[in-house]
Amino acid sequence: MMDRIILGDNQFFGINHMSEEKARLLSEKFMNLDNIIHVIDMAYECGVRGLMLNTNDRAREICGYLRRNLTRYSGLSLYPSMPYAHKYADSVSQKGIFATIKDTIISDNSFGNIVRLVTKGGGTLFEKDMIKVMKLLVDIELKMFRELPVKVVFLQNIVTDLLLGFKLNEVFVAFSDYVRSKYELEAGFITMNMPRLVELLLESGLENPIVCSSINKAGYFMNPDKSTYESTLKEKKFRPVAMSILASGAIKPDEAVKYVCDNQNIESVVFGASTRQHIAETKQMIERYS
């Protein structure tokens, strides 16, 4: 079972969809790993036990710290979100495709691991076999979470929605099967079009899938529209995870949380915060309205 309340990590990487200035200030603040750990500690002290992390370089640092101090975080659960597409895109633009392959696949791998990865990948770069590439990337990206308590592995929305657009049902099924069979974990999918994704996943035979999407009273990032989201939440059998509940600050917290929690089908709420007061108040509101 997923945590009801999950701390997101957008604030750690200077992401704010409504204000470039706030994004810049956050980015500067969280360049220091100690400031990130301070927020994680505040959330843990407030009783938040779920942490979602995008698989970028800062997540590697965070995971390293958590691994060294795991006894301090009893009951903590991690929710990796992968692949961090910007990491690969930036690397290709700066270093080129072959340097990116070298840094991604060869870095931190012994010779034996490289042989196994390449054998399993079997010419994926030339065959363009997406399922083989997917398995290869899952193995590479989950390495940073080794020995840590992971519950659900999420496919990032930039990849989810690309696959959705091309109706590549088999990749969704393969991702779910691979994460379950090799790692004994559940698969989740982040999307900007929850109704369409839920329909496709159910048609593909995935039972009660975990789908994370923006769900908020303003209809912010809810495609095609808010009413379609609301009907999907009522009529379809899946496990919804709500993010962007505050619509990047466009909705008052109490009003935002009440709207999300009034829908009893929503299993988990992901929110970003960087102060103890914001974390504590959001947690208390979610518990009050749940």
C-alpha atoms as a PDB file:
ATOM      1  CA  MET A   1       0.000   0.000   0.000  1.00  0.00           C
ATOM      2  CA  MET A   2       1.289   3.457  -0.897  1.00  0.00           C
ATOM      3  CA  ASP A   3       1.852   6.228   1.620  1.00  0.00           C
ATOM      4  CA  ARG A   4      -1.092   8.583   1.841  1.00  0.00           C
ATOM      5  CA  ILE A   5       1.223  11.634   1.942  1.00  0.00           C
ATOM      6  CA  ILE A   6       4.376  11.895  -0.195  1.00  0.00           C
ATOM      7  CA  LEU A   7       6.881  14.745  -0.270  1.00  0.00           C
ATOM      8  CA  GLY A   8       7.796  15.673  -3.838  1.00  0.00           C
ATOM      9  CA  ASP A   9      11.167  17.016  -4.928  1.00  0.00           C
ATOM     10  CA  ASN A  10      10.439  19.769  -7.478  1.00  0.00           C
ATOM     11  CA  GLN A  11      11.430  22.466  -4.990  1.00  0.00           C
ATOM     12  CA  PHE A  12      14.890  20.896  -4.651  1.00  0.00           C
ATOM     13  CA  PHE A  13      15.587  21.454  -8.336  1.00  0.00           C
ATOM     14  CA  GLY A  14      14.260  24.974  -8.747  1.00  0.00           C
ATOM     15  CA  ILE A  15      10.986  24.039 -10.417  1.00  0.00           C
ATOM     16  CA  ASN A  16       8.137  26.517 -10.063  1.00  0.00           C
ATOM     17  CA  HIS A  17       5.692  26.752 -12.950  1.00  0.00           C
ATOM     18  CA  MET A  18       4.287  30.123 -11.908  1.00  0.00           C
ATOM     19  CA  SER A  19       7.372  32.176 -11.006  1.00  0.00           C
ATOM     20  CA  GLU A  20      10.835  32.202 -12.557  1.00  0.00           C
ATOM     21  CA  GLU A  21      12.140  34.251  -9.650  1.00  0.00           C
ATOM     22  CA  LYS A  22      10.922  31.722  -7.069  1.00  0.00           C
ATOM     23  CA  ALA A  23      12.407  28.944  -9.190  1.00  0.00           C
ATOM     24  CA  ARG A  24      15.779  30.703  -9.269  1.00  0.00           C
ATOM     25  CA  LEU A  25      15.806  31.255  -5.500  1.00  0.00           C
ATOM     26  CA  LEU A  26      14.905  27.614  -4.852  1.00  0.00           C
ATOM     27  CA  SER A  27      17.620  26.425  -7.219  1.00  0.00           C
ATOM     28  CA  GLU A  28      20.231  28.514  -5.429  1.00  0.00           C
ATOM     29  CA  LYS A  29      19.068  27.432  -1.981  1.00  0.00           C
ATOM     30  CA  PHE A  30      19.117  23.735  -2.753  1.00  0.00           C
ATOM     31  CA  MET A  31      22.490  23.670  -4.483  1.00  0.00           C
ATOM     32  CA  ASN A  32      23.643  22.734  -0.990  1.00  0.00           C
ATOM     33  CA  LEU A  33      22.783  19.116  -0.146  1.00  0.00           C
ATOM     34  CA  ASP A  34      22.502  20.021   3.556  1.00  0.00           C
ATOM     35  CA  ASN A  35      19.509  22.235   2.766  1.00  0.00           C
ATOM     36  CA  ILE A  36      17.784  19.362   0.958  1.00  0.00           C
ATOM     37  CA  ILE A  37      18.413  16.979   3.851  1.00  0.00           C
ATOM     38  CA  HIS A  38      17.091  19.618   6.261  1.00  0.00           C
ATOM     39  CA  VAL A  39      13.733  19.640   4.419  1.00  0.00           C
ATOM     40  CA  ILE A  40      13.613  15.832   4.316  1.00  0.00           C
ATOM     41  CA  ASP A  41      14.325  15.787   8.066  1.00  0.00           C
ATOM     42  CA  MET A  42      11.570  18.338   8.742  1.00  0.00           C
ATOM     43  CA  ALA A  43       9.085  16.279   6.736  1.00  0.00           C
ATOM     44  CA  TYR A  44      10.111  13.097   8.547  1.00  0.00           C
ATOM     45  CA  GLU A  45       9.746  14.807  11.936  1.00  0.00           C
ATOM     46  CA  CYS A  46       6.258  15.957  10.871  1.00  0.00           C
ATOM     47  CA  GLY A  47       5.326  12.322  10.162  1.00  0.00           C
ATOM     48  CA  VAL A  48       5.710  12.251   6.365  1.00  0.00           C
ATOM     49  CA  ARG A  49       7.173   8.891   5.376  1.00  0.00           C
ATOM     50  CA  GLY A  50       6.978   9.002   1.564  1.00  0.00           C
ATOM     51  CA  LEU A  51       9.562  10.727  -0.653  1.00  0.00           C
ATOM     52  CA  MET A  52       9.363  10.967  -4.454  1.00  0.00           C
ATOM     53  CA  LEU A  53      12.672  11.545  -6.244  1.00  0.00           C
ATOM     54  CA  ASN A  54      13.417  12.177  -9.901  1.00  0.00           C
ATOM     55  CA  THR A  55      16.485  10.204 -10.954  1.00  0.00           C
ATOM     56  CA  ASN A  56      18.864  13.101 -11.547  1.00  0.00           C
ATOM     57  CA  ASP A  57      22.332  13.707 -10.121  1.00  0.00           C
ATOM     58  CA  ARG A  58      21.011  15.361  -6.960  1.00  0.00           C
ATOM     59  CA  ALA A  59      18.911  12.264  -6.272  1.00  0.00           C
ATOM     60  CA  ARG A  60      22.129  10.235  -6.407  1.00  0.00           C
ATOM     61  CA  GLU A  61      23.550  12.438  -3.634  1.00  0.00           C
ATOM     62  CA  ILE A  62      20.347  12.205  -1.596  1.00  0.00           C
ATOM     63  CA  CYS A  63      20.247   8.419  -1.942  1.00  0.00           C
ATOM     64  CA  GLY A  64      23.885   8.187  -0.905  1.00  0.00           C
ATOM     65  CA  TYR A  65      23.142  10.175   2.236  1.00  0.00           C
ATOM     66  CA  LEU A  66      20.028   8.124   3.056  1.00  0.00           C
ATOM     67  CA  ARG A  67      21.935   4.879   2.538  1.00  0.00           C
ATOM     68  CA  ARG A  68      24.606   5.997   5.017  1.00  0.00           C
ATOM     69  CA  ASN A  69      22.003   7.101   7.573  1.00  0.00           C
ATOM     70  CA  LEU A  70      19.135   4.691   6.981  1.00  0.00           C
ATOM     71  CA  THR A  71      18.680   3.822  10.660  1.00  0.00           C
ATOM     72  CA  ARG A  72      17.574   7.422  11.238  1.00  0.00           C
ATOM     73  CA  TYR A  73      14.641   7.044   8.839  1.00  0.00           C
ATOM     74  CA  SER A  74      12.620   4.070  10.024  1.00  0.00           C
ATOM     75  CA  GLY A  75       9.500   3.574   7.895  1.00  0.00           C
ATOM     76  CA  LEU A  76      10.694   5.815   5.068  1.00  0.00           C
ATOM     77  CA  SER A  77       9.552   4.804   1.556  1.00  0.00           C
ATOM     78  CA  LEU A  78      11.023   6.106  -1.708  1.00  0.00           C
ATOM     79  CA  TYR A  79       9.177   6.586  -4.984  1.00  0.00           C
ATOM     80  CA  PRO A  80      11.689   6.960  -7.841  1.00  0.00           C
ATOM     81  CA  SER A  81      10.510   8.750 -10.992  1.00  0.00           C
ATOM     82  CA  MET A  82      12.450   7.815 -14.124  1.00  0.00           C
ATOM     83  CA  PRO A  83      14.027   8.343 -16.536  1.00  0.00           C
ATOM     84  CA  TYR A  84      15.052  11.944 -15.900  1.00  0.00           C
ATOM     85  CA  ALA A  85      14.902  12.834 -19.576  1.00  0.00           C
ATOM     86  CA  HIS A  86      16.476  16.276 -19.217  1.00  0.00           C
ATOM     87  CA  LYS A  87      19.610  14.627 -17.847  1.00  0.00           C
ATOM     88  CA  TYR A  88      20.087  12.638 -21.047  1.00  0.00           C
ATOM     89  CA  ALA A  89      19.048  15.481 -23.356  1.00  0.00           C
ATOM     90  CA  ASP A  90      21.456  17.934 -21.707  1.00  0.00           C
ATOM     91  CA  SER A  91      24.266  15.391 -21.806  1.00  0.00           C
ATOM     92  CA  VAL A  92      23.765  14.655 -25.510  1.00  0.00           C
ATOM     93  CA  SER A  93      23.713  18.361 -26.374  1.00  0.00           C
ATOM     94  CA  GLN A  94      26.855  19.050 -24.339  1.00  0.00           C
ATOM     95  CA  LYS A  95      28.928  15.895 -24.878  1.00  0.00           C
ATOM     96  CA  GLY A  96      27.442  14.074 -27.845  1.00  0.00           C
ATOM     97  CA  ILE A  97      25.707  10.716 -28.057  1.00  0.00           C
ATOM     98  CA  PHE A  98      28.743   8.467 -27.584  1.00  0.00           C
ATOM     99  CA  ALA A  99      30.057  10.327 -24.525  1.00  0.00           C
ATOM    100  CA  THR A 100      26.558  10.143 -23.046  1.00  0.00           C
ATOM    101  CA  ILE A 101      26.453   6.380 -23.616  1.00  0.00           C
ATOM    102  CA  LYS A 102      29.873   6.055 -22.006  1.00  0.00           C
ATOM    103  CA  ASP A 103      28.911   8.118 -18.961  1.00  0.00           C
ATOM    104  CA  THR A 104      25.503   6.475 -18.582  1.00  0.00           C
ATOM    105  CA  ILE A 105      26.316   2.811 -19.129  1.00  0.00           C
ATOM    106  CA  ILE A 106      30.006   2.483 -18.313  1.00  0.00           C
ATOM    107  CA  SER A 107      30.236   4.808 -15.314  1.00  0.00           C
ATOM    108  CA  ASP A 108      30.019   2.990 -11.960  1.00  0.00           C
ATOM    109  CA  ASN A 109      29.893  -0.429 -13.660  1.00  0.00           C
ATOM    110  CA  SER A 110      32.424  -3.195 -13.346  1.00  0.00           C
ATOM    111  CA  PHE A 111      33.533  -5.028 -16.491  1.00  0.00           C
ATOM    112  CA  GLY A 112      31.223  -7.922 -15.608  1.00  0.00           C
ATOM    113  CA  ASN A 113      28.255  -5.595 -15.186  1.00  0.00           C
ATOM    114  CA  ILE A 114      28.951  -3.941 -18.524  1.00  0.00           C
ATOM    115  CA  VAL A 115      29.041  -7.334 -20.256  1.00  0.00           C
ATOM    116  CA  ARG A 116      25.718  -8.294 -18.693  1.00  0.00           C
ATOM    117  CA  LEU A 117      24.110  -4.971 -19.586  1.00  0.00           C
ATOM    118  CA  VAL A 118      25.321  -5.080 -23.171  1.00  0.00           C
ATOM    119  CA  THR A 119      24.339  -8.747 -23.510  1.00  0.00           C
ATOM    120  CA  LYS A 120      20.858  -7.971 -22.224  1.00  0.00           C
ATOM    121  CA  GLY A 121      20.712  -4.804 -24.333  1.00  0.00           C
ATOM    122  CA  GLY A 122      21.983  -6.784 -27.321  1.00  0.00           C
ATOM    123  CA  GLY A 123      22.477  -4.003 -29.859  1.00  0.00           C
ATOM    124  CA  THR A 124      19.533  -1.966 -28.623  1.00  0.00           C
ATOM    125  CA  LEU A 125      20.951   1.269 -29.955  1.00  0.00           C
ATOM    126  CA  PHE A 126      20.957  -0.158 -33.439  1.00  0.00           C
ATOM    127  CA  GLU A 127      17.819  -2.275 -33.258  1.00  0.00           C
ATOM    128  CA  LYS A 128      15.833   0.542 -31.651  1.00  0.00           C
ATOM    129  CA  ASP A 129      14.063  -2.031 -29.515  1.00  0.00           C
ATOM    130  CA  MET A 130      12.251   0.149 -26.974  1.00  0.00           C
ATOM    131  CA  ILE A 131      11.484  -2.633 -24.517  1.00  0.00           C
ATOM    132  CA  LYS A 132      15.139  -3.656 -24.323  1.00  0.00           C
ATOM    133  CA  VAL A 133      16.150  -0.025 -23.920  1.00  0.00           C
ATOM    134  CA  MET A 134      13.512   0.394 -21.215  1.00  0.00           C
ATOM    135  CA  LYS A 135      14.853  -2.556 -19.216  1.00  0.00           C
ATOM    136  CA  LEU A 136      18.399  -1.301 -19.607  1.00  0.00           C
ATOM    137  CA  LEU A 137      17.492   2.178 -18.338  1.00  0.00           C
ATOM    138  CA  VAL A 138      15.477   0.791 -15.418  1.00  0.00           C
ATOM    139  CA  ASP A 139      18.502  -1.245 -14.317  1.00  0.00           C
ATOM    140  CA  ILE A 140      20.843   1.742 -14.657  1.00  0.00           C
ATOM    141  CA  GLU A 141      18.584   4.251 -12.918  1.00  0.00           C
ATOM    142  CA  LEU A 142      17.506   1.987 -10.051  1.00  0.00           C
ATOM    143  CA  LYS A 143      21.138   1.403  -9.127  1.00  0.00           C
ATOM    144  CA  MET A 144      21.187   4.667  -7.183  1.00  0.00           C
ATOM    145  CA  PHE A 145      18.313   3.335  -5.000  1.00  0.00           C
ATOM    146  CA  ARG A 146      20.063   0.085  -4.067  1.00  0.00           C
ATOM    147  CA  GLU A 147      19.573  -1.007  -0.445  1.00  0.00           C
ATOM    148  CA  LEU A 148      16.903   1.666   0.027  1.00  0.00           C
ATOM    149  CA  PRO A 149      13.188   1.040   0.771  1.00  0.00           C
ATOM    150  CA  VAL A 150      11.459   1.613  -2.583  1.00  0.00           C
ATOM    151  CA  LYS A 151       7.706   1.036  -2.978  1.00  0.00           C
ATOM    152  CA  VAL A 152       6.718   2.181  -6.463  1.00  0.00           C
ATOM    153  CA  VAL A 153       8.801   3.019  -9.555  1.00  0.00           C
ATOM    154  CA  PHE A 154       7.149   5.752 -11.615  1.00  0.00           C
ATOM    155  CA  LEU A 155       7.609   6.335 -15.325  1.00  0.00           C
ATOM    156  CA  GLN A 156       8.064  10.075 -15.869  1.00  0.00           C
ATOM    157  CA  ASN A 157       5.359  11.969 -17.723  1.00  0.00           C
ATOM    158  CA  ILE A 158       7.611  13.051 -20.606  1.00  0.00           C
ATOM    159  CA  VAL A 159       8.078   9.370 -21.488  1.00  0.00           C
ATOM    160  CA  THR A 160       4.624   8.190 -20.426  1.00  0.00           C
ATOM    161  CA  ASP A 161       2.867  10.746 -22.597  1.00  0.00           C
ATOM    162  CA  LEU A 162       5.140  10.095 -25.579  1.00  0.00           C
ATOM    163  CA  LEU A 163       4.292   6.392 -25.392  1.00  0.00           C
ATOM    164  CA  LEU A 164       0.641   7.284 -24.862  1.00  0.00           C
ATOM    165  CA  GLY A 165       0.630   9.464 -27.967  1.00  0.00           C
ATOM    166  CA  PHE A 166       1.898   6.574 -30.079  1.00  0.00           C
ATOM    167  CA  LYS A 167      -0.382   4.078 -28.285  1.00  0.00           C
ATOM    168  CA  LEU A 168       2.549   1.824 -27.407  1.00  0.00           C
ATOM    169  CA  ASN A 169       0.566  -0.317 -24.978  1.00  0.00           C
ATOM    170  CA  GLU A 170       3.147  -3.098 -24.952  1.00  0.00           C
ATOM    171  CA  VAL A 171       5.820  -0.847 -23.444  1.00  0.00           C
ATOM    172  CA  PHE A 172       3.588   0.056 -20.493  1.00  0.00           C
ATOM    173  CA  VAL A 173       2.858  -3.619 -19.888  1.00  0.00           C
ATOM    174  CA  ALA A 174       6.539  -4.557 -20.241  1.00  0.00           C
ATOM    175  CA  PHE A 175       7.601  -1.824 -17.809  1.00  0.00           C
ATOM    176  CA  SER A 176       5.090  -2.979 -15.221  1.00  0.00           C
ATOM    177  CA  ASP A 177       6.020  -6.654 -15.674  1.00  0.00           C
ATOM    178  CA  TYR A 178       9.765  -5.983 -15.523  1.00  0.00           C
ATOM    179  CA  VAL A 179       9.637  -3.839 -12.389  1.00  0.00           C
ATOM    180  CA  ARG A 180       7.490  -6.472 -10.685  1.00  0.00           C
ATOM    181  CA  SER A 181       9.393  -9.569 -11.803  1.00  0.00           C
ATOM    182  CA  LYS A 182      12.964  -8.335 -11.310  1.00  0.00           C
ATOM    183  CA  TYR A 183      12.620  -5.891  -8.416  1.00  0.00           C
ATOM    184  CA  GLU A 184       9.363  -7.029  -6.762  1.00  0.00           C
ATOM    185  CA  LEU A 185       8.092  -3.448  -6.948  1.00  0.00           C
ATOM    186  CA  GLU A 186       4.950  -1.848  -8.289  1.00  0.00           C
ATOM    187  CA  ALA A 187       4.975   0.327 -11.381  1.00  0.00           C
ATOM    188  CA  GLY A 188       3.375   3.739 -11.548  1.00  0.00           C
ATOM    189  CA  PHE A 189       2.840   6.190 -14.392  1.00  0.00           C
ATOM    190  CA  ILE A 190       2.976  10.004 -14.284  1.00  0.00           C
ATOM    191  CA  THR A 191       0.964  11.758 -16.967  1.00  0.00           C
ATOM    192  CA  MET A 192      -0.504  15.054 -18.100  1.00  0.00           C
ATOM    193  CA  ASN A 193      -3.533  13.248 -19.558  1.00  0.00           C
ATOM    194  CA  MET A 194      -4.872  10.954 -16.883  1.00  0.00           C
ATOM    195  CA  PRO A 195      -8.226   9.995 -18.487  1.00  0.00           C
ATOM    196  CA  ARG A 196      -6.648   8.840 -21.736  1.00  0.00           C
ATOM    197  CA  LEU A 197      -3.804   6.992 -19.985  1.00  0.00           C
ATOM    198  CA  VAL A 198      -6.144   5.177 -17.593  1.00  0.00           C
ATOM    199  CA  GLU A 199      -8.279   4.040 -20.518  1.00  0.00           C
ATOM    200  CA  LEU A 200      -5.247   2.709 -22.407  1.00  0.00           C
ATOM    201  CA  LEU A 201      -3.748   0.947 -19.368  1.00  0.00           C
ATOM    202  CA  LEU A 202      -7.030  -0.781 -18.560  1.00  0.00           C
ATOM    203  CA  GLU A 203      -7.466  -1.800 -22.210  1.00  0.00           C
ATOM    204  CA  SER A 204      -3.932  -3.270 -22.053  1.00  0.00           C
ATOM    205  CA  GLY A 205      -4.922  -5.559 -19.190  1.00  0.00           C
ATOM    206  CA  LEU A 206      -3.138  -3.722 -16.359  1.00  0.00           C
ATOM    207  CA  GLU A 207      -5.384  -4.140 -13.343  1.00  0.00           C
ATOM    208  CA  ASN A 208      -5.863  -1.245 -10.934  1.00  0.00           C
ATOM    209  CA  PRO A 209      -2.866   0.725 -12.274  1.00  0.00           C
ATOM    210  CA  ILE A 210      -1.159   3.485 -10.286  1.00  0.00           C
ATOM    211  CA  VAL A 211      -1.491   6.796 -12.133  1.00  0.00           C
ATOM    212  CA  CYS A 212      -0.066  10.084 -10.883  1.00  0.00           C
ATOM    213  CA  SER A 213      -1.405  13.307 -12.394  1.00  0.00           C
ATOM    214  CA  SER A 214      -2.271  16.912 -11.623  1.00  0.00           C
ATOM    215  CA  ILE A 215      -5.565  17.020  -9.735  1.00  0.00           C
ATOM    216  CA  ASN A 216      -6.711  20.388  -8.454  1.00  0.00           C
ATOM    217  CA  LYS A 217      -9.736  22.660  -8.209  1.00  0.00           C
ATOM    218  CA  ALA A 218      -8.379  25.054 -10.859  1.00  0.00           C
ATOM    219  CA  GLY A 219      -8.064  22.427 -13.576  1.00  0.00           C
ATOM    220  CA  TYR A 220      -4.347  23.286 -13.818  1.00  0.00           C
ATOM    221  CA  PHE A 221      -2.423  20.831 -16.051  1.00  0.00           C
ATOM    222  CA  MET A 222      -5.553  18.637 -16.282  1.00  0.00           C
ATOM    223  CA  ASN A 223      -5.917  17.575 -19.905  1.00  0.00           C
ATOM    224  CA  PRO A 224      -8.297  17.490 -21.681  1.00  0.00           C
ATOM    225  CA  ASP A 225     -10.338  19.162 -18.911  1.00  0.00           C
ATOM    226  CA  LYS A 226     -11.283  19.033 -15.248  1.00  0.00           C
ATOM    227  CA  SER A 227     -14.712  17.427 -15.762  1.00  0.00           C
ATOM    228  CA  THR A 228     -13.212  14.478 -17.654  1.00  0.00           C
ATOM    229  CA  TYR A 229     -10.790  13.932 -14.762  1.00  0.00           C
ATOM    230  CA  GLU A 230     -13.634  13.967 -12.263  1.00  0.00           C
ATOM    231  CA  SER A 231     -15.695  11.443 -14.215  1.00  0.00           C
ATOM    232  CA  THR A 232     -12.656   9.171 -14.677  1.00  0.00           C
ATOM    233  CA  LEU A 233     -11.980   9.250 -10.939  1.00  0.00           C
ATOM    234  CA  LYS A 234     -15.572   8.167 -10.270  1.00  0.00           C
ATOM    235  CA  GLU A 235     -16.008   5.588 -12.996  1.00  0.00           C
ATOM    236  CA  LYS A 236     -12.647   3.844 -13.588  1.00  0.00           C
ATOM    237  CA  LYS A 237     -10.900   1.361 -11.320  1.00  0.00           C
ATOM    238  CA  PHE A 238      -7.336   2.573 -10.796  1.00  0.00           C
ATOM    239  CA  ARG A 239      -5.161   3.995  -8.020  1.00  0.00           C
ATOM    240  CA  PRO A 240      -4.963   7.779  -8.469  1.00  0.00           C
ATOM    241  CA  VAL A 241      -2.075   9.807  -7.054  1.00  0.00           C
ATOM    242  CA  ALA A 242      -2.663  13.567  -6.971  1.00  0.00           C
ATOM    243  CA  MET A 243       0.094  16.104  -7.620  1.00  0.00           C
ATOM    244  CA  SER A 244       0.037  19.890  -8.297  1.00  0.00           C
ATOM    245  CA  ILE A 245      -2.863  20.126  -5.864  1.00  0.00           C
ATOM    246  CA  LEU A 246      -2.137  23.811  -5.176  1.00  0.00           C
ATOM    247  CA  ALA A 247      -1.867  24.625  -8.907  1.00  0.00           C
ATOM    248  CA  SER A 248       1.532  26.273  -8.240  1.00  0.00           C
ATOM    249  CA  GLY A 249      -0.004  28.558  -5.632  1.00  0.00           C
ATOM    250  CA  ALA A 250      -3.145  29.549  -7.541  1.00  0.00           C
ATOM    251  CA  ILE A 251      -5.433  27.927  -4.927  1.00  0.00           C
ATOM    252  CA  LYS A 252      -5.518  28.504  -1.174  1.00  0.00           C
ATOM    253  CA  PRO A 253      -4.119  25.440   0.640  1.00  0.00           C
ATOM    254  CA  ASP A 254      -7.226  24.616   2.667  1.00  0.00           C
ATOM    255  CA  GLU A 255      -9.462  24.877  -0.400  1.00  0.00           C
ATOM    256  CA  ALA A 256      -7.005  22.873  -2.517  1.00  0.00           C
ATOM    257  CA  VAL A 257      -6.644  20.016  -0.054  1.00  0.00           C
ATOM    258  CA  LYS A 258     -10.383  19.795   0.590  1.00  0.00           C
ATOM    259  CA  TYR A 259     -11.098  19.458  -3.141  1.00  0.00           C
ATOM    260  CA  VAL A 260      -8.601  16.600  -3.535  1.00  0.00           C
ATOM    261  CA  CYS A 261      -9.530  14.755  -0.356  1.00  0.00           C
ATOM    262  CA  ASP A 262     -13.271  15.009  -1.034  1.00  0.00           C
ATOM    263  CA  ASN A 263     -12.627  12.417  -3.726  1.00  0.00           C
ATOM    264  CA  GLN A 264     -12.200   9.299  -1.605  1.00  0.00           C
ATOM    265  CA  ASN A 265     -10.767   7.319  -4.538  1.00  0.00           C
ATOM    266  CA  ILE A 266      -7.472   9.245  -4.474  1.00  0.00           C
ATOM    267  CA  GLU A 267      -4.917   7.000  -2.796  1.00  0.00           C
ATOM    268  CA  SER A 268      -1.963   9.372  -2.299  1.00  0.00           C
ATOM    269  CA  VAL A 269      -1.118  13.064  -2.435  1.00  0.00           C
ATOM    270  CA  VAL A 270       2.276  14.346  -3.583  1.00  0.00           C
ATOM    271  CA  PHE A 271       3.166  17.887  -2.584  1.00  0.00           C
ATOM    272  CA  GLY A 272       6.266  20.041  -2.562  1.00  0.00           C
ATOM    273  CA  ALA A 273       7.274  22.222   0.384  1.00  0.00           C
ATOM    274  CA  SER A 274      10.432  23.704   1.838  1.00  0.00           C
ATOM    275  CA  THR A 275       9.382  25.006   5.274  1.00  0.00           C
ATOM    276  CA  ARG A 276       8.320  23.160   8.404  1.00  0.00           C
ATOM    277  CA  GLN A 277       5.117  25.187   8.668  1.00  0.00           C
ATOM    278  CA  HIS A 278       4.037  24.418   5.102  1.00  0.00           C
ATOM    279  CA  ILE A 279       4.831  20.713   5.509  1.00  0.00           C
ATOM    280  CA  ALA A 280       3.053  20.411   8.847  1.00  0.00           C
ATOM    281  CA  GLU A 281      -0.020  22.375   7.764  1.00  0.00           C
ATOM    282  CA  THR A 282      -0.417  20.457   4.502  1.00  0.00           C
ATOM    283  CA  LYS A 283      -0.088  17.102   6.273  1.00  0.00           C
ATOM    284  CA  GLN A 284      -2.613  18.123   8.930  1.00  0.00           C
ATOM    285  CA  MET A 285      -5.107  19.320   6.299  1.00  0.00           C
ATOM    286  CA  ILE A 286      -4.810  16.083   4.284  1.00  0.00           C
ATOM    287  CA  GLU A 287      -5.421  14.054   7.436  1.00  0.00           C
ATOM    288  CA  ARG A 288      -8.318  16.266   8.503  1.00  0.00           C
ATOM    289  CA  TYR A 289     -10.172  16.018   5.201  1.00  0.00           C
ATOM    290  CA  SER A 290      -9.362  12.364   4.479  1.00  0.00           C
END
